[in-house]
Amino acid sequence: MKEYIIQIDETQKDIMGGRPLLELPKELVRCQNCKWWDKKDDSPYGYCNACKHGFRSAHWEVGIYRTYKGDWFCADGERKQNG
């Protein structure tokens, strides 16, 4: 199942009573489905290897070797090609 992040304009209403989107939905990629994440054996945690592979983001203050649970997510997640 894919999940999406949407931004809604709370000050506006459309004809159907809903609220218009401010921008197109963006896919949310959880760590367990991200190409940068490798699960630790016998643990719900895994390593984010983005920095190790030379990927840098404006969202990061420093390049560190990070661990997260598989259901976590970040703004820089990239879906695995086979997932």
Protein backbone atom coordinates (compact mmCIF):
# COMPACT_ATOMS: atom_id res chain seq x y z
CA MET A 1 0.00 0.00 0.00
CA LYS A 2 1.33 3.43 -0.91
CA GLU A 3 0.95 6.35 1.48
CA TYR A 4 0.94 10.01 0.50
CA ILE A 5 1.69 13.32 2.17
CA ILE A 6 -0.76 16.06 1.24
CA GLN A 7 -1.05 19.70 2.19
CA ILE A 8 -4.59 21.02 2.59
CA ASP A 9 -5.70 24.64 2.62
CA GLU A 10 -7.79 24.86 5.82
CA THR A 11 -9.02 28.36 4.95
CA GLN A 12 -10.73 27.40 1.66
CA LYS A 13 -13.67 25.15 0.78
CA ASP A 14 -14.55 23.81 -2.64
CA ILE A 15 -18.05 23.28 -4.02
CA MET A 16 -18.30 19.75 -2.61
CA GLY A 17 -17.53 20.93 0.95
CA GLY A 18 -13.99 19.56 1.00
CA ARG A 19 -10.79 21.55 1.11
CA PRO A 20 -8.54 22.05 -1.92
CA LEU A 21 -5.01 20.67 -2.01
CA LEU A 22 -2.22 23.23 -2.01
CA GLU A 23 0.09 20.96 -3.97
CA LEU A 24 0.11 17.53 -5.57
CA PRO A 25 0.37 14.58 -3.16
CA LYS A 26 3.90 13.31 -2.49
CA GLU A 27 4.54 9.63 -1.85
CA LEU A 28 5.67 8.80 1.68
CA VAL A 29 8.34 6.08 1.65
CA ARG A 30 8.85 4.25 4.94
CA CYS A 31 12.37 3.07 5.80
CA GLN A 32 11.51 -0.61 5.24
CA ASN A 33 10.67 0.25 1.60
CA CYS A 34 13.55 2.70 1.04
CA LYS A 35 16.55 1.85 -1.10
CA TRP A 36 18.90 3.32 1.53
CA TRP A 37 17.71 1.16 4.48
CA ASP A 38 19.19 -2.24 5.48
CA LYS A 39 17.43 -4.18 8.26
CA LYS A 40 19.52 -5.47 11.15
CA ASP A 41 19.17 -9.22 11.76
CA ASP A 42 16.69 -10.10 14.54
CA SER A 43 15.76 -6.45 15.13
CA PRO A 44 13.02 -4.03 14.03
CA TYR A 45 15.82 -1.49 13.35
CA GLY A 46 18.01 -0.99 10.33
CA TYR A 47 20.75 1.28 9.06
CA CYS A 48 20.15 4.25 6.78
CA ASN A 49 23.00 3.98 4.27
CA ALA A 50 22.22 7.09 2.22
CA CYS A 51 25.24 8.99 3.53
CA LYS A 52 27.50 5.95 3.04
CA HIS A 53 26.54 5.90 -0.66
CA GLY A 54 27.31 9.59 -1.11
CA PHE A 55 23.73 10.85 -0.99
CA ARG A 56 23.43 14.23 0.71
CA SER A 57 20.32 16.20 1.60
CA ALA A 58 19.61 19.80 2.54
CA HIS A 59 17.54 18.33 5.41
CA TRP A 60 20.62 16.90 7.13
CA GLU A 61 22.81 19.00 9.37
CA VAL A 62 25.57 16.39 9.43
CA GLY A 63 26.32 13.17 7.60
CA ILE A 64 25.86 10.36 10.12
CA TYR A 65 25.27 6.63 10.11
CA ARG A 66 21.70 6.43 11.39
CA THR A 67 19.44 3.61 12.60
CA TYR A 68 15.64 3.65 12.42
CA LYS A 69 12.71 1.28 12.77
CA GLY A 70 11.27 0.05 9.50
CA ASP A 71 8.05 2.02 9.91
CA TRP A 72 9.88 5.36 10.22
CA PHE A 73 10.21 7.75 7.26
CA CYS A 74 12.00 10.94 6.22
CA ALA A 75 11.67 13.57 3.53
CA ASP A 76 14.44 11.93 1.51
CA GLY A 77 13.13 8.36 1.26
CA GLU A 78 13.46 6.73 -2.15
CA ARG A 79 11.44 3.59 -2.94
CA LYS A 80 13.41 0.44 -3.78
CA GLN A 81 13.11 -0.47 -7.44
CA ASN A 82 11.65 -3.90 -6.59
CA GLY A 83 9.35 -2.59 -3.82
